[in-house]
N, C-alpha and C. Protein backbone atom coordinates (compact mmCIF):
# COMPACT_ATOMS: atom_id res chain seq x y z
N MET A 1 -17.58 14.05 27.14
CA MET A 1 -17.86 13.32 25.83
C MET A 1 -17.61 14.17 24.71
N TYR A 2 -18.19 15.42 24.78
CA TYR A 2 -18.14 16.20 23.58
C TYR A 2 -16.75 16.71 23.36
N LEU A 3 -15.96 16.93 24.43
CA LEU A 3 -14.65 17.17 24.16
C LEU A 3 -13.78 16.11 23.44
N ALA A 4 -14.15 14.84 23.88
CA ALA A 4 -13.35 13.79 23.25
C ALA A 4 -13.73 13.63 21.74
N THR A 5 -15.00 13.91 21.36
CA THR A 5 -15.41 13.78 19.90
C THR A 5 -14.70 14.96 19.10
N GLY A 6 -14.59 16.07 19.93
CA GLY A 6 -13.93 17.22 19.23
C GLY A 6 -12.54 17.00 18.95
N ILE A 7 -11.75 16.38 19.86
CA ILE A 7 -10.36 16.09 19.78
C ILE A 7 -10.23 15.06 18.62
N ILE A 8 -11.03 14.18 18.63
CA ILE A 8 -11.07 13.15 17.55
C ILE A 8 -11.28 13.72 16.09
N SER A 9 -12.27 14.56 16.01
CA SER A 9 -12.57 15.11 14.77
C SER A 9 -11.51 16.01 14.22
N ASP A 10 -10.90 16.68 15.24
CA ASP A 10 -9.77 17.61 14.90
C ASP A 10 -8.69 16.83 14.40
N PHE A 11 -8.52 15.68 15.07
CA PHE A 11 -7.28 14.75 14.75
C PHE A 11 -7.62 14.23 13.24
N ILE A 12 -8.72 13.77 13.00
CA ILE A 12 -9.06 13.19 11.63
C ILE A 12 -8.87 14.39 10.57
N ARG A 13 -9.28 15.58 10.81
CA ARG A 13 -9.12 16.77 9.87
C ARG A 13 -7.70 16.93 9.75
N GLU A 14 -6.91 16.95 10.75
CA GLU A 14 -5.41 17.21 10.45
C GLU A 14 -4.94 16.06 9.79
N PHE A 15 -5.27 14.80 10.00
CA PHE A 15 -4.74 13.66 9.34
C PHE A 15 -5.05 13.68 7.87
N VAL A 16 -6.32 14.03 7.59
CA VAL A 16 -6.78 14.10 6.15
C VAL A 16 -5.99 15.27 5.38
N ALA A 17 -5.77 16.45 6.16
CA ALA A 17 -5.18 17.40 5.46
C ALA A 17 -3.58 16.97 5.18
N LEU A 18 -3.00 16.22 6.10
CA LEU A 18 -1.68 15.67 5.99
C LEU A 18 -1.65 14.71 4.78
N CYS A 19 -2.62 13.89 4.77
CA CYS A 19 -2.61 12.82 3.64
C CYS A 19 -2.73 13.71 2.28
N VAL A 20 -3.61 14.65 2.28
CA VAL A 20 -3.63 15.50 0.94
C VAL A 20 -2.40 16.01 0.54
N THR A 21 -1.82 16.76 1.58
CA THR A 21 -0.45 17.46 1.36
C THR A 21 0.57 16.34 0.83
N LEU A 22 0.60 15.22 1.50
CA LEU A 22 1.63 14.11 1.00
C LEU A 22 1.33 13.81 -0.27
N LYS A 23 0.01 13.52 -0.65
CA LYS A 23 -0.32 13.13 -2.03
C LYS A 23 0.13 14.05 -3.08
N TRP A 24 -0.09 15.38 -2.79
CA TRP A 24 0.41 16.27 -3.85
C TRP A 24 1.99 16.42 -3.84
N LEU A 25 2.59 16.10 -2.68
CA LEU A 25 4.02 16.07 -2.63
C LEU A 25 4.51 14.88 -3.54
N PHE A 26 3.86 13.78 -3.34
CA PHE A 26 4.36 12.64 -4.11
C PHE A 26 3.98 12.78 -5.51
N MET A 27 2.83 13.30 -5.95
CA MET A 27 2.55 13.60 -7.40
C MET A 27 3.58 14.61 -8.07
N PHE A 28 4.10 15.63 -7.19
CA PHE A 28 5.01 16.50 -7.64
C PHE A 28 6.31 15.72 -7.87
N PHE A 29 6.63 14.87 -6.94
CA PHE A 29 7.87 14.20 -6.94
C PHE A 29 7.92 13.16 -8.18
N TYR A 30 6.93 12.51 -8.38
CA TYR A 30 6.86 11.57 -9.51
C TYR A 30 6.82 12.30 -10.81
N GLY A 31 6.21 13.52 -10.85
CA GLY A 31 6.24 14.27 -12.10
C GLY A 31 7.61 14.66 -12.36
N LEU A 32 8.43 15.09 -11.39
CA LEU A 32 9.81 15.32 -11.69
C LEU A 32 10.54 14.22 -12.09
N LEU A 33 10.32 13.17 -11.46
CA LEU A 33 11.05 12.01 -11.90
C LEU A 33 10.69 11.43 -13.31
N PHE A 34 9.46 11.53 -13.64
CA PHE A 34 9.02 11.22 -14.92
C PHE A 34 9.69 12.20 -15.95
N LEU A 35 9.77 13.44 -15.57
CA LEU A 35 10.45 14.56 -16.52
C LEU A 35 11.76 14.21 -16.76
N ALA A 36 12.53 13.88 -15.57
CA ALA A 36 13.96 13.57 -15.70
C ALA A 36 14.12 12.41 -16.60
N LEU A 37 13.30 11.21 -16.49
CA LEU A 37 13.51 10.08 -17.20
C LEU A 37 13.24 10.38 -18.68
N LEU A 38 12.20 11.31 -18.87
CA LEU A 38 11.93 11.57 -20.37
C LEU A 38 13.04 12.31 -21.09
N LEU A 39 13.62 13.23 -20.26
CA LEU A 39 14.67 14.19 -20.81
C LEU A 39 16.00 13.26 -20.99
N SER A 40 16.23 12.42 -20.17
CA SER A 40 17.27 11.47 -20.35
C SER A 40 17.12 10.53 -21.45
N TYR A 41 15.90 10.04 -21.67
CA TYR A 41 15.56 9.28 -22.77
C TYR A 41 15.70 9.98 -23.98
N LYS A 42 15.19 11.18 -24.15
CA LYS A 42 15.35 12.03 -25.36
C LYS A 42 16.95 12.42 -25.64
N GLY A 43 17.51 12.48 -24.52
CA GLY A 43 19.06 12.76 -24.70
C GLY A 43 19.68 11.58 -25.27
N ILE A 44 19.37 10.44 -24.85
CA ILE A 44 19.90 9.10 -25.48
C ILE A 44 19.60 9.06 -26.82
N LEU A 45 18.29 9.27 -27.21
CA LEU A 45 17.82 9.28 -28.55
C LEU A 45 18.58 10.13 -29.47
N TRP A 46 18.83 11.44 -28.99
CA TRP A 46 19.52 12.40 -29.76
C TRP A 46 20.98 12.10 -29.87
N SER A 47 21.52 11.57 -29.06
CA SER A 47 23.07 11.39 -29.04
C SER A 47 23.55 10.56 -30.23
């Protein structure tokens, strides 16, 4: 029984770490996308 709970808690810990990593990845990606949109918008304004 203890082994099963250990495996489950390890799985949950790994899953949470993965979710956090993915969240930072998405935030980084959206930040880049927003920056690109902002730059292209300013480029359109300046031209």
